[in-house]
Amino acid sequence: MAMRRFYNEIKGKRVSEVPEHVKPMLSLNYIKKAIQRGFDNYHAKYIETSSPDPIFHVCYGGMIFSYLVALPHERRHLQHAQEHAQQHH
């Protein structure tokens, strides 16, 4: 949704005008405000309505995080198993 809004904002601009439009969006203050707006929207949508969704978000986020942390180890293990299979085949 944010990408669509950004695309619609820059769609009518000339290429030379795009950096002037994007530069304020890359400031630290703008990024802080955008993150705060996101937290406020999340709080209004899920926390104030007593929705169970935040519990699911934490569970799914934890599963994805643990998968990404374990992925390099699993890839090394798979590569070692493949090399071992080639040597003894």
PDB file of N, CA and C in Angstrom:
ATOM      1  N   MET A   1       0.812  -1.177   0.000  1.00  0.00           N
ATOM      2  CA  MET A   1       0.000   0.000   0.000  1.00  0.00           C
ATOM      3  C   MET A   1       0.870   1.261   0.000  1.00  0.00           C
ATOM      4  N   ALA A   2       1.925   1.267   0.801  1.00  0.00           N
ATOM      5  CA  ALA A   2       2.807   2.422   0.854  1.00  0.00           C
ATOM      6  C   ALA A   2       3.565   2.579  -0.456  1.00  0.00           C
ATOM      7  N   MET A   3       3.952   1.466  -1.050  1.00  0.00           N
ATOM      8  CA  MET A   3       4.659   1.534  -2.333  1.00  0.00           C
ATOM      9  C   MET A   3       3.749   2.088  -3.423  1.00  0.00           C
ATOM     10  N   ARG A   4       2.492   1.702  -3.404  1.00  0.00           N
ATOM     11  CA  ARG A   4       1.549   2.206  -4.392  1.00  0.00           C
ATOM     12  C   ARG A   4       1.371   3.711  -4.225  1.00  0.00           C
ATOM     13  N   ARG A   5       1.254   4.162  -2.968  1.00  0.00           N
ATOM     14  CA  ARG A   5       1.104   5.600  -2.719  1.00  0.00           C
ATOM     15  C   ARG A   5       2.355   6.347  -3.186  1.00  0.00           C
ATOM     16  N   PHE A   6       3.536   5.805  -2.876  1.00  0.00           N
ATOM     17  CA  PHE A   6       4.779   6.436  -3.303  1.00  0.00           C
ATOM     18  C   PHE A   6       4.866   6.484  -4.822  1.00  0.00           C
ATOM     19  N   TYR A   7       4.487   5.403  -5.488  1.00  0.00           N
ATOM     20  CA  TYR A   7       4.517   5.368  -6.951  1.00  0.00           C
ATOM     21  C   TYR A   7       3.576   6.415  -7.529  1.00  0.00           C
ATOM     22  N   ASN A   8       2.389   6.540  -6.967  1.00  0.00           N
ATOM     23  CA  ASN A   8       1.434   7.536  -7.460  1.00  0.00           C
ATOM     24  C   ASN A   8       1.937   8.957  -7.228  1.00  0.00           C
ATOM     25  N   GLU A   9       2.699   9.176  -6.152  1.00  0.00           N
ATOM     26  CA  GLU A   9       3.251  10.499  -5.895  1.00  0.00           C
ATOM     27  C   GLU A   9       4.306  10.877  -6.920  1.00  0.00           C
ATOM     28  N   ILE A  10       5.147   9.937  -7.307  1.00  0.00           N
ATOM     29  CA  ILE A  10       6.241  10.278  -8.220  1.00  0.00           C
ATOM     30  C   ILE A  10       5.897  10.039  -9.689  1.00  0.00           C
ATOM     31  N   LYS A  11       4.737   9.450  -9.941  1.00  0.00           N
ATOM     32  CA  LYS A  11       4.375   9.084 -11.314  1.00  0.00           C
ATOM     33  C   LYS A  11       4.341  10.309 -12.229  1.00  0.00           C
ATOM     34  N   GLY A  12       3.812  11.405 -11.771  1.00  0.00           N
ATOM     35  CA  GLY A  12       3.674  12.582 -12.614  1.00  0.00           C
ATOM     36  C   GLY A  12       4.874  13.501 -12.606  1.00  0.00           C
ATOM     37  N   LYS A  13       5.916  13.158 -11.883  1.00  0.00           N
ATOM     38  CA  LYS A  13       7.083  14.032 -11.775  1.00  0.00           C
ATOM     39  C   LYS A  13       8.108  13.714 -12.843  1.00  0.00           C
ATOM     40  N   ARG A  14       8.921  14.717 -13.137  1.00  0.00           N
ATOM     41  CA  ARG A  14      10.048  14.499 -14.040  1.00  0.00           C
ATOM     42  C   ARG A  14      11.161  13.811 -13.265  1.00  0.00           C
ATOM     43  N   VAL A  15      12.064  13.181 -13.982  1.00  0.00           N
ATOM     44  CA  VAL A  15      13.163  12.452 -13.345  1.00  0.00           C
ATOM     45  C   VAL A  15      14.009  13.396 -12.500  1.00  0.00           C
ATOM     46  N   SER A  16      14.206  14.622 -12.953  1.00  0.00           N
ATOM     47  CA  SER A  16      15.021  15.569 -12.192  1.00  0.00           C
ATOM     48  C   SER A  16      14.324  16.043 -10.919  1.00  0.00           C
ATOM     49  N   GLU A  17      13.004  15.891 -10.829  1.00  0.00           N
ATOM     50  CA  GLU A  17      12.259  16.320  -9.644  1.00  0.00           C
ATOM     51  C   GLU A  17      12.173  15.228  -8.578  1.00  0.00           C
ATOM     52  N   VAL A  18      12.428  13.974  -8.952  1.00  0.00           N
ATOM     53  CA  VAL A  18      12.281  12.854  -8.017  1.00  0.00           C
ATOM     54  C   VAL A  18      13.236  12.954  -6.826  1.00  0.00           C
ATOM     55  N   PRO A  19      14.545  13.263  -7.019  1.00  0.00           N
ATOM     56  CA  PRO A  19      15.423  13.368  -5.841  1.00  0.00           C
ATOM     57  C   PRO A  19      14.960  14.430  -4.840  1.00  0.00           C
ATOM     58  N   GLU A  20      14.435  15.547  -5.325  1.00  0.00           N
ATOM     59  CA  GLU A  20      13.934  16.589  -4.433  1.00  0.00           C
ATOM     60  C   GLU A  20      12.737  16.079  -3.635  1.00  0.00           C
ATOM     61  N   HIS A  21      11.941  15.206  -4.230  1.00  0.00           N
ATOM     62  CA  HIS A  21      10.767  14.655  -3.557  1.00  0.00           C
ATOM     63  C   HIS A  21      11.164  13.566  -2.552  1.00  0.00           C
ATOM     64  N   VAL A  22      12.185  12.787  -2.879  1.00  0.00           N
ATOM     65  CA  VAL A  22      12.583  11.648  -2.047  1.00  0.00           C
ATOM     66  C   VAL A  22      13.492  12.069  -0.897  1.00  0.00           C
ATOM     67  N   LYS A  23      14.314  13.094  -1.092  1.00  0.00           N
ATOM     68  CA  LYS A  23      15.313  13.475  -0.092  1.00  0.00           C
ATOM     69  C   LYS A  23      14.708  13.743   1.293  1.00  0.00           C
ATOM     70  N   PRO A  24      13.600  14.478   1.431  1.00  0.00           N
ATOM     71  CA  PRO A  24      13.040  14.670   2.779  1.00  0.00           C
ATOM     72  C   PRO A  24      12.564  13.363   3.425  1.00  0.00           C
ATOM     73  N   MET A  25      12.201  12.376   2.615  1.00  0.00           N
ATOM     74  CA  MET A  25      11.733  11.093   3.148  1.00  0.00           C
ATOM     75  C   MET A  25      12.865  10.269   3.741  1.00  0.00           C
ATOM     76  N   LEU A  26      14.095  10.615   3.426  1.00  0.00           N
ATOM     77  CA  LEU A  26      15.242   9.860   3.917  1.00  0.00           C
ATOM     78  C   LEU A  26      15.859  10.482   5.164  1.00  0.00           C
ATOM     79  N   SER A  27      15.250  11.536   5.683  1.00  0.00           N
ATOM     80  CA  SER A  27      15.779  12.162   6.891  1.00  0.00           C
ATOM     81  C   SER A  27      15.428  11.305   8.108  1.00  0.00           C
ATOM     82  N   LEU A  28      16.232  11.414   9.133  1.00  0.00           N
ATOM     83  CA  LEU A  28      16.035  10.627  10.344  1.00  0.00           C
ATOM     84  C   LEU A  28      14.722  10.986  11.026  1.00  0.00           C
ATOM     85  N   ASN A  29      14.382  12.261  11.023  1.00  0.00           N
ATOM     86  CA  ASN A  29      13.149  12.709  11.659  1.00  0.00           C
ATOM     87  C   ASN A  29      11.921  12.136  10.947  1.00  0.00           C
ATOM     88  N   TYR A  30      11.931  12.117   9.614  1.00  0.00           N
ATOM     89  CA  TYR A  30      10.809  11.572   8.845  1.00  0.00           C
ATOM     90  C   TYR A  30      10.655  10.074   9.114  1.00  0.00           C
ATOM     91  N   ILE A  31      11.772   9.365   9.175  1.00  0.00           N
ATOM     92  CA  ILE A  31      11.735   7.919   9.419  1.00  0.00           C
ATOM     93  C   ILE A  31      11.191   7.634  10.816  1.00  0.00           C
ATOM     94  N   LYS A  32      11.615   8.429  11.814  1.00  0.00           N
ATOM     95  CA  LYS A  32      11.100   8.254  13.175  1.00  0.00           C
ATOM     96  C   LYS A  32       9.591   8.462  13.224  1.00  0.00           C
ATOM     97  N   LYS A  33       9.122   9.500  12.534  1.00  0.00           N
ATOM     98  CA  LYS A  33       7.682   9.779  12.517  1.00  0.00           C
ATOM     99  C   LYS A  33       6.918   8.666  11.808  1.00  0.00           C
ATOM    100  N   ALA A  34       7.478   8.125  10.729  1.00  0.00           N
ATOM    101  CA  ALA A  34       6.813   7.040   9.999  1.00  0.00           C
ATOM    102  C   ALA A  34       6.714   5.787  10.860  1.00  0.00           C
ATOM    103  N   ILE A  35       7.773   5.477  11.592  1.00  0.00           N
ATOM    104  CA  ILE A  35       7.747   4.311  12.481  1.00  0.00           C
ATOM    105  C   ILE A  35       6.735   4.526  13.601  1.00  0.00           C
ATOM    106  N   GLN A  36       6.704   5.730  14.157  1.00  0.00           N
ATOM    107  CA  GLN A  36       5.750   6.031  15.223  1.00  0.00           C
ATOM    108  C   GLN A  36       4.315   5.926  14.714  1.00  0.00           C
ATOM    109  N   ARG A  37       4.061   6.410  13.494  1.00  0.00           N
ATOM    110  CA  ARG A  37       2.723   6.271  12.894  1.00  0.00           C
ATOM    111  C   ARG A  37       2.366   4.804  12.732  1.00  0.00           C
ATOM    112  N   GLY A  38       3.327   3.986  12.307  1.00  0.00           N
ATOM    113  CA  GLY A  38       3.079   2.554  12.157  1.00  0.00           C
ATOM    114  C   GLY A  38       2.726   1.896  13.476  1.00  0.00           C
ATOM    115  N   PHE A  39       3.470   2.240  14.534  1.00  0.00           N
ATOM    116  CA  PHE A  39       3.155   1.699  15.860  1.00  0.00           C
ATOM    117  C   PHE A  39       1.791   2.156  16.346  1.00  0.00           C
ATOM    118  N   ASP A  40       1.483   3.423  16.113  1.00  0.00           N
ATOM    119  CA  ASP A  40       0.172   3.946  16.527  1.00  0.00           C
ATOM    120  C   ASP A  40      -0.957   3.235  15.786  1.00  0.00           C
ATOM    121  N   ASN A  41      -0.778   3.022  14.487  1.00  0.00           N
ATOM    122  CA  ASN A  41      -1.802   2.309  13.708  1.00  0.00           C
ATOM    123  C   ASN A  41      -1.950   0.868  14.183  1.00  0.00           C
ATOM    124  N   TYR A  42      -0.831   0.197  14.476  1.00  0.00           N
ATOM    125  CA  TYR A  42      -0.870  -1.178  14.973  1.00  0.00           C
ATOM    126  C   TYR A  42      -1.596  -1.235  16.316  1.00  0.00           C
ATOM    127  N   HIS A  43      -1.277  -0.281  17.184  1.00  0.00           N
ATOM    128  CA  HIS A  43      -1.908  -0.243  18.503  1.00  0.00           C
ATOM    129  C   HIS A  43      -3.407  -0.039  18.374  1.00  0.00           C
ATOM    130  N   ALA A  44      -3.808   0.881  17.503  1.00  0.00           N
ATOM    131  CA  ALA A  44      -5.238   1.148  17.330  1.00  0.00           C
ATOM    132  C   ALA A  44      -5.958  -0.050  16.721  1.00  0.00           C
ATOM    133  N   LYS A  45      -5.284  -0.744  15.801  1.00  0.00           N
ATOM    134  CA  LYS A  45      -5.950  -1.844  15.092  1.00  0.00           C
ATOM    135  C   LYS A  45      -6.017  -3.122  15.926  1.00  0.00           C
ATOM    136  N   TYR A  46      -4.977  -3.424  16.681  1.00  0.00           N
ATOM    137  CA  TYR A  46      -4.913  -4.716  17.360  1.00  0.00           C
ATOM    138  C   TYR A  46      -5.005  -4.634  18.885  1.00  0.00           C
ATOM    139  N   ILE A  47      -4.301  -3.710  19.500  1.00  0.00           N
ATOM    140  CA  ILE A  47      -4.222  -3.672  20.956  1.00  0.00           C
ATOM    141  C   ILE A  47      -5.514  -3.125  21.563  1.00  0.00           C
ATOM    142  N   GLU A  48      -5.993  -2.008  21.032  1.00  0.00           N
ATOM    143  CA  GLU A  48      -7.197  -1.398  21.588  1.00  0.00           C
ATOM    144  C   GLU A  48      -8.450  -2.233  21.350  1.00  0.00           C
ATOM    145  N   THR A  49      -8.423  -3.093  20.357  1.00  0.00           N
ATOM    146  CA  THR A  49      -9.592  -3.923  20.055  1.00  0.00           C
ATOM    147  C   THR A  49      -9.520  -5.279  20.743  1.00  0.00           C
ATOM    148  N   SER A  50      -8.496  -5.511  21.548  1.00  0.00           N
ATOM    149  CA  SER A  50      -8.293  -6.786  22.256  1.00  0.00           C
ATOM    150  C   SER A  50      -8.262  -7.977  21.301  1.00  0.00           C
ATOM    151  N   SER A  51      -7.641  -7.763  20.160  1.00  0.00           N
ATOM    152  CA  SER A  51      -7.525  -8.816  19.155  1.00  0.00           C
ATOM    153  C   SER A  51      -6.439  -9.819  19.562  1.00  0.00           C
ATOM    154  N   PRO A  52      -6.631 -11.105  19.247  1.00  0.00           N
ATOM    155  CA  PRO A  52      -5.584 -12.092  19.539  1.00  0.00           C
ATOM    156  C   PRO A  52      -4.458 -12.089  18.498  1.00  0.00           C
ATOM    157  N   ASP A  53      -4.584 -11.316  17.452  1.00  0.00           N
ATOM    158  CA  ASP A  53      -3.588 -11.317  16.381  1.00  0.00           C
ATOM    159  C   ASP A  53      -2.162 -11.010  16.842  1.00  0.00           C
ATOM    160  N   PRO A  54      -1.924 -10.082  17.792  1.00  0.00           N
ATOM    161  CA  PRO A  54      -0.525  -9.853  18.208  1.00  0.00           C
ATOM    162  C   PRO A  54       0.165 -11.104  18.731  1.00  0.00           C
ATOM    163  N   ILE A  55      -0.583 -11.997  19.359  1.00  0.00           N
ATOM    164  CA  ILE A  55       0.019 -13.250  19.829  1.00  0.00           C
ATOM    165  C   ILE A  55       0.491 -14.073  18.633  1.00  0.00           C
ATOM    166  N   PHE A  56      -0.342 -14.133  17.601  1.00  0.00           N
ATOM    167  CA  PHE A  56       0.046 -14.858  16.390  1.00  0.00           C
ATOM    168  C   PHE A  56       1.234 -14.192  15.720  1.00  0.00           C
ATOM    169  N   HIS A  57       1.265 -12.862  15.700  1.00  0.00           N
ATOM    170  CA  HIS A  57       2.386 -12.152  15.088  1.00  0.00           C
ATOM    171  C   HIS A  57       3.689 -12.492  15.800  1.00  0.00           C
ATOM    172  N   VAL A  58       3.654 -12.558  17.131  1.00  0.00           N
ATOM    173  CA  VAL A  58       4.858 -12.899  17.893  1.00  0.00           C
ATOM    174  C   VAL A  58       5.265 -14.347  17.608  1.00  0.00           C
ATOM    175  N   CYS A  59       4.302 -15.254  17.590  1.00  0.00           N
ATOM    176  CA  CYS A  59       4.618 -16.674  17.322  1.00  0.00           C
ATOM    177  C   CYS A  59       5.194 -16.864  15.934  1.00  0.00           C
ATOM    178  N   TYR A  60       4.537 -16.309  14.920  1.00  0.00           N
ATOM    179  CA  TYR A  60       5.034 -16.456  13.548  1.00  0.00           C
ATOM    180  C   TYR A  60       6.376 -15.761  13.379  1.00  0.00           C
ATOM    181  N   GLY A  61       6.521 -14.584  13.973  1.00  0.00           N
ATOM    182  CA  GLY A  61       7.799 -13.875  13.900  1.00  0.00           C
ATOM    183  C   GLY A  61       8.907 -14.666  14.551  1.00  0.00           C
ATOM    184  N   GLY A  62       8.615 -15.296  15.691  1.00  0.00           N
ATOM    185  CA  GLY A  62       9.615 -16.125  16.369  1.00  0.00           C
ATOM    186  C   GLY A  62      10.016 -17.330  15.537  1.00  0.00           C
ATOM    187  N   MET A  63       9.031 -17.953  14.898  1.00  0.00           N
ATOM    188  CA  MET A  63       9.346 -19.111  14.050  1.00  0.00           C
ATOM    189  C   MET A  63      10.204 -18.696  12.862  1.00  0.00           C
ATOM    190  N   ILE A  64       9.859 -17.592  12.222  1.00  0.00           N
ATOM    191  CA  ILE A  64      10.635 -17.119  11.068  1.00  0.00           C
ATOM    192  C   ILE A  64      12.049 -16.740  11.497  1.00  0.00           C
ATOM    193  N   PHE A  65      12.158 -16.041  12.637  1.00  0.00           N
ATOM    194  CA  PHE A  65      13.474 -15.651  13.136  1.00  0.00           C
ATOM    195  C   PHE A  65      14.341 -16.868  13.444  1.00  0.00           C
ATOM    196  N   SER A  66      13.778 -17.859  14.121  1.00  0.00           N
ATOM    197  CA  SER A  66      14.568 -19.047  14.469  1.00  0.00           C
ATOM    198  C   SER A  66      14.975 -19.817  13.212  1.00  0.00           C
ATOM    199  N   TYR A  67      14.098 -19.852  12.209  1.00  0.00           N
ATOM    200  CA  TYR A  67      14.441 -20.510  10.949  1.00  0.00           C
ATOM    201  C   TYR A  67      15.611 -19.793  10.281  1.00  0.00           C
ATOM    202  N   LEU A  68      15.562 -18.458  10.251  1.00  0.00           N
ATOM    203  CA  LEU A  68      16.633 -17.704   9.596  1.00  0.00           C
ATOM    204  C   LEU A  68      17.951 -17.816  10.355  1.00  0.00           C
ATOM    205  N   VAL A  69      17.883 -17.908  11.681  1.00  0.00           N
ATOM    206  CA  VAL A  69      19.107 -18.058  12.467  1.00  0.00           C
ATOM    207  C   VAL A  69      19.720 -19.438  12.232  1.00  0.00           C
ATOM    208  N   ALA A  70      18.897 -20.471  12.126  1.00  0.00           N
ATOM    209  CA  ALA A  70      19.393 -21.836  11.949  1.00  0.00           C
ATOM    210  C   ALA A  70      19.754 -22.156  10.500  1.00  0.00           C
ATOM    211  N   LEU A  71      19.323 -21.334   9.570  1.00  0.00           N
ATOM    212  CA  LEU A  71      19.530 -21.643   8.157  1.00  0.00           C
ATOM    213  C   LEU A  71      21.002 -21.814   7.769  1.00  0.00           C
ATOM    214  N   PRO A  72      21.923 -20.941   8.167  1.00  0.00           N
ATOM    215  CA  PRO A  72      23.327 -21.160   7.776  1.00  0.00           C
ATOM    216  C   PRO A  72      23.877 -22.494   8.276  1.00  0.00           C
ATOM    217  N   HIS A  73      23.528 -22.885   9.495  1.00  0.00           N
ATOM    218  CA  HIS A  73      23.989 -24.164  10.033  1.00  0.00           C
ATOM    219  C   HIS A  73      23.416 -25.320   9.213  1.00  0.00           C
ATOM    220  N   GLU A  74      22.157 -25.247   8.885  1.00  0.00           N
ATOM    221  CA  GLU A  74      21.526 -26.311   8.096  1.00  0.00           C
ATOM    222  C   GLU A  74      22.134 -26.401   6.702  1.00  0.00           C
ATOM    223  N   ARG A  75      22.448 -25.263   6.105  1.00  0.00           N
ATOM    224  CA  ARG A  75      23.068 -25.286   4.766  1.00  0.00           C
ATOM    225  C   ARG A  75      24.455 -25.909   4.824  1.00  0.00           C
ATOM    226  N   ARG A  76      25.237 -25.580   5.866  1.00  0.00           N
ATOM    227  CA  ARG A  76      26.572 -26.195   6.016  1.00  0.00           C
ATOM    228  C   ARG A  76      26.436 -27.699   6.204  1.00  0.00           C
ATOM    229  N   HIS A  77      25.464 -28.114   7.001  1.00  0.00           N
ATOM    230  CA  HIS A  77      25.243 -29.533   7.245  1.00  0.00           C
ATOM    231  C   HIS A  77      24.867 -30.244   5.941  1.00  0.00           C
ATOM    232  N   LEU A  78      23.987 -29.657   5.153  1.00  0.00           N
ATOM    233  CA  LEU A  78      23.573 -30.250   3.883  1.00  0.00           C
ATOM    234  C   LEU A  78      24.748 -30.343   2.917  1.00  0.00           C
ATOM    235  N   GLN A  79      25.560 -29.277   2.858  1.00  0.00           N
ATOM    236  CA  GLN A  79      26.717 -29.302   1.967  1.00  0.00           C
ATOM    237  C   GLN A  79      27.703 -30.388   2.386  1.00  0.00           C
ATOM    238  N   HIS A  80      27.941 -30.523   3.672  1.00  0.00           N
ATOM    239  CA  HIS A  80      28.846 -31.555   4.163  1.00  0.00           C
ATOM    240  C   HIS A  80      28.292 -32.949   3.841  1.00  0.00           C
ATOM    241  N   ALA A  81      26.990 -33.148   4.011  1.00  0.00           N
ATOM    242  CA  ALA A  81      26.388 -34.448   3.715  1.00  0.00           C
ATOM    243  C   ALA A  81      26.503 -34.767   2.225  1.00  0.00           C
ATOM    244  N   GLN A  82      26.315 -33.763   1.373  1.00  0.00           N
ATOM    245  CA  GLN A  82      26.438 -33.983  -0.063  1.00  0.00           C
ATOM    246  C   GLN A  82      27.877 -34.313  -0.444  1.00  0.00           C
ATOM    247  N   GLU A  83      28.841 -33.613   0.132  1.00  0.00           N
ATOM    248  CA  GLU A  83      30.252 -33.891  -0.160  1.00  0.00           C
ATOM    249  C   GLU A  83      30.623 -35.289   0.330  1.00  0.00           C
ATOM    250  N   HIS A  84      30.122 -35.656   1.478  1.00  0.00           N
ATOM    251  CA  HIS A  84      30.402 -36.996   2.036  1.00  0.00           C
ATOM    252  C   HIS A  84      29.786 -38.071   1.146  1.00  0.00           C
ATOM    253  N   ALA A  85      28.617 -37.821   0.622  1.00  0.00           N
ATOM    254  CA  ALA A  85      27.949 -38.803  -0.256  1.00  0.00           C
ATOM    255  C   ALA A  85      28.704 -38.950  -1.562  1.00  0.00           C
ATOM    256  N   GLN A  86      29.264 -37.867  -2.081  1.00  0.00           N
ATOM    257  CA  GLN A  86      30.009 -37.927  -3.340  1.00  0.00           C
ATOM    258  C   GLN A  86      31.311 -38.701  -3.165  1.00  0.00           C
ATOM    259  N   GLN A  87      31.944 -38.546  -2.020  1.00  0.00           N
ATOM    260  CA  GLN A  87      33.217 -39.231  -1.778  1.00  0.00           C
ATOM    261  C   GLN A  87      33.035 -40.734  -1.665  1.00  0.00           C
ATOM    262  N   HIS A  88      31.909 -41.162  -1.118  1.00  0.00           N
ATOM    263  CA  HIS A  88      31.670 -42.580  -0.884  1.00  0.00           C
ATOM    264  C   HIS A  88      30.749 -43.215  -1.914  1.00  0.00           C
ATOM    265  N   HIS A  89      30.511 -42.524  -2.974  1.00  0.00           N
ATOM    266  CA  HIS A  89      29.609 -43.074  -3.988  1.00  0.00           C
ATOM    267  C   HIS A  89      30.339 -43.681  -5.121  1.00  0.00           C
TER     268      HIS A  89
END
